[in-house]
Protein backbone atom coordinates (compact mmCIF):
# COMPACT_ATOMS: atom_id res chain seq x y z
CA MET A 1 94.32 -16.98 -9.02
CA GLY A 2 95.22 -14.17 -6.63
CA ARG A 3 98.58 -15.74 -5.87
CA ILE A 4 99.38 -16.04 -9.59
CA ILE A 5 98.52 -12.38 -10.20
CA SER A 6 100.59 -11.35 -7.18
CA ASP A 7 103.60 -13.34 -8.47
CA LEU A 8 103.27 -11.80 -11.95
CA LYS A 9 103.22 -8.31 -10.41
CA LYS A 10 106.38 -9.07 -8.43
CA GLN A 11 108.10 -10.26 -11.61
CA GLY A 12 107.10 -7.03 -13.36
CA ARG A 13 105.03 -8.80 -15.98
CA ILE A 14 101.82 -7.03 -14.89
CA LEU A 15 101.75 -3.33 -14.15
CA SER A 16 100.49 -2.69 -10.64
CA GLY A 17 98.46 0.32 -9.61
CA LYS A 18 97.23 1.23 -13.10
CA ARG A 19 93.72 0.92 -14.43
CA LEU A 20 93.46 0.37 -18.15
CA SER A 21 90.43 0.65 -20.38
CA PHE A 22 90.19 -0.82 -23.87
CA TYR A 23 87.88 0.83 -26.38
CA GLY A 24 86.77 -1.82 -28.89
CA LYS A 25 85.46 0.62 -31.48
CA THR A 26 88.75 2.51 -31.83
CA GLY A 27 91.15 -0.14 -30.52
CA ASN A 28 92.73 2.34 -28.09
CA LEU A 29 94.10 1.29 -24.73
CA ILE A 30 93.85 4.19 -22.28
CA GLU A 31 95.22 4.47 -18.75
CA LYS A 32 92.57 5.73 -16.34
CA LYS A 33 93.75 8.13 -13.69
CA GLN A 34 92.26 7.96 -10.22
CA ILE A 35 91.70 11.09 -8.20
CA LYS A 36 92.87 10.53 -4.65
CA ARG A 37 91.36 12.86 -2.08
CA LYS A 38 92.38 12.98 1.54
CA LYS A 39 89.42 12.22 3.75
CA LEU A 40 88.84 14.51 6.67
CA ARG A 41 88.36 12.50 9.84
CA ARG A 42 86.99 13.40 13.25
CA LYS A 43 89.82 11.55 15.03
CA ASP A 44 90.02 12.72 18.66
CA TYR A 45 87.86 15.82 18.25
CA ASN A 46 85.16 15.99 20.89
CA PRO A 47 82.59 18.78 20.56
CA GLU A 48 82.54 21.14 23.52
CA LYS A 49 79.43 23.20 22.73
CA VAL A 50 76.13 22.62 21.00
CA GLY A 51 76.54 22.99 17.23
CA ASP A 52 80.25 22.19 17.23
CA LEU A 53 79.74 18.97 15.25
CA LEU A 54 76.78 17.59 13.31
CA GLN A 55 76.83 14.22 11.58
CA ILE A 56 75.02 14.02 8.23
CA ASP A 57 74.39 11.12 5.87
CA THR A 58 71.87 9.95 3.25
CA ILE A 59 69.61 6.96 3.82
CA VAL A 60 67.85 5.17 0.94
CA LYS A 61 64.35 3.80 1.65
CA PHE A 62 61.86 2.01 -0.57
CA ILE A 63 58.35 3.14 0.42
CA ASN A 64 55.47 1.50 -1.49
CA GLY A 65 57.86 0.61 -4.32
CA ILE A 66 59.16 4.19 -4.61
CA LYS A 67 62.80 5.03 -3.88
CA ARG A 68 63.22 7.94 -1.46
CA TYR A 69 66.34 9.54 -0.02
CA ILE A 70 66.26 10.76 3.58
CA VAL A 71 68.95 13.15 4.78
CA PRO A 72 69.26 13.21 8.59
CA ALA A 73 71.48 15.48 10.69
CA ILE A 74 72.28 14.80 14.35
CA ASP A 75 74.09 17.09 16.78
CA LEU A 76 76.47 15.09 18.97
CA LYS A 77 76.22 17.29 22.05
CA LEU A 78 72.49 18.14 22.27
CA ASP A 79 71.08 15.03 20.54
CA PHE A 80 69.15 17.38 18.28
CA GLY A 81 68.06 15.74 15.05
CA PHE A 82 66.49 16.92 11.81
CA ALA A 83 65.65 14.89 8.70
CA TYR A 84 64.08 15.65 5.33
CA GLY A 85 63.12 13.40 2.44
CA TYR A 86 63.91 13.88 -1.26
CA ALA A 87 63.17 12.07 -4.52
CA GLY A 88 66.86 12.05 -5.51
CA ALA A 89 70.29 12.11 -3.87
CA SER A 90 71.75 15.15 -5.59
CA SER A 91 74.08 17.87 -4.42
CA GLN A 92 71.32 20.45 -5.08
CA ASN A 93 68.94 18.59 -2.72
CA THR A 94 71.65 18.44 -0.05
CA LYS A 95 72.22 22.18 -0.42
CA ASP A 96 68.47 22.69 0.07
CA PHE A 97 68.63 20.45 3.16
CA PHE A 98 71.42 22.56 4.68
CA SER A 99 69.40 25.76 4.22
CA LYS A 100 66.37 24.14 5.91
CA LEU A 101 68.58 22.81 8.70
CA GLU A 102 69.97 26.27 9.39
CA MET A 103 66.42 27.67 9.63
CA VAL A 104 65.14 25.11 12.15
CA SER A 105 68.23 24.52 14.31
CA PRO A 106 68.17 26.36 17.65
CA PHE A 107 71.93 26.95 17.49
CA SER A 108 74.60 28.03 15.02
CA ILE A 109 76.33 25.22 13.14
CA LYS A 110 80.15 25.25 13.13
CA ARG A 111 81.23 21.84 11.75
CA MET A 112 79.61 18.98 9.87
CA GLN A 113 80.86 15.44 9.37
CA THR A 114 79.77 13.50 6.28
CA ASP A 115 80.76 10.28 4.53
CA ASN A 116 81.98 12.25 1.45
CA GLY A 117 79.29 10.67 -0.71
CA SER A 118 78.35 11.92 -4.16
CA GLU A 119 75.51 14.00 -2.72
CA PHE A 120 78.12 16.16 -0.95
CA GLU A 121 80.36 16.56 -4.02
CA ASN A 122 79.30 19.32 -6.43
CA HIS A 123 78.23 22.25 -4.23
CA PHE A 124 80.54 21.44 -1.30
CA ARG A 125 84.04 20.70 -2.67
C-alpha cells in the first residue's frame, strides 16, 4: 500500500505534504496548515557552572487509579533535583512549578531544557 501511494505521489496524482479535512455537514474540503516551529537543542553545550542548565519534563503516574502529573527539574552540574505533583498538565501549573523551583533552588537558574510539550506552550512561547 505504501509503495502504491508513493508511486501516485511521484506521478502527481496525490498531493504530497498537504493535510485535508472534509466536513460532512457542509461538504467543504479544507486544507489544514501545520505550524512548524524550530526546536531548540542543547547540541554541544556543556554547562560550566551550577544553574547553567536544568532539564525539565512532565511524568504521568497513575496512583490508586488517579492520574497525577509530576514535574521534575534536574540540574546537570550539581545533580540538584526538585519535583512537584499536580492534578493536570497545564501551562499554569508549570508556571507555578517554576516559581516554586526558584524559591527552593540554592542557585540562580540561567537556562532550562524541555521537550516542548503542551504544558510549556501557553505561558512560555
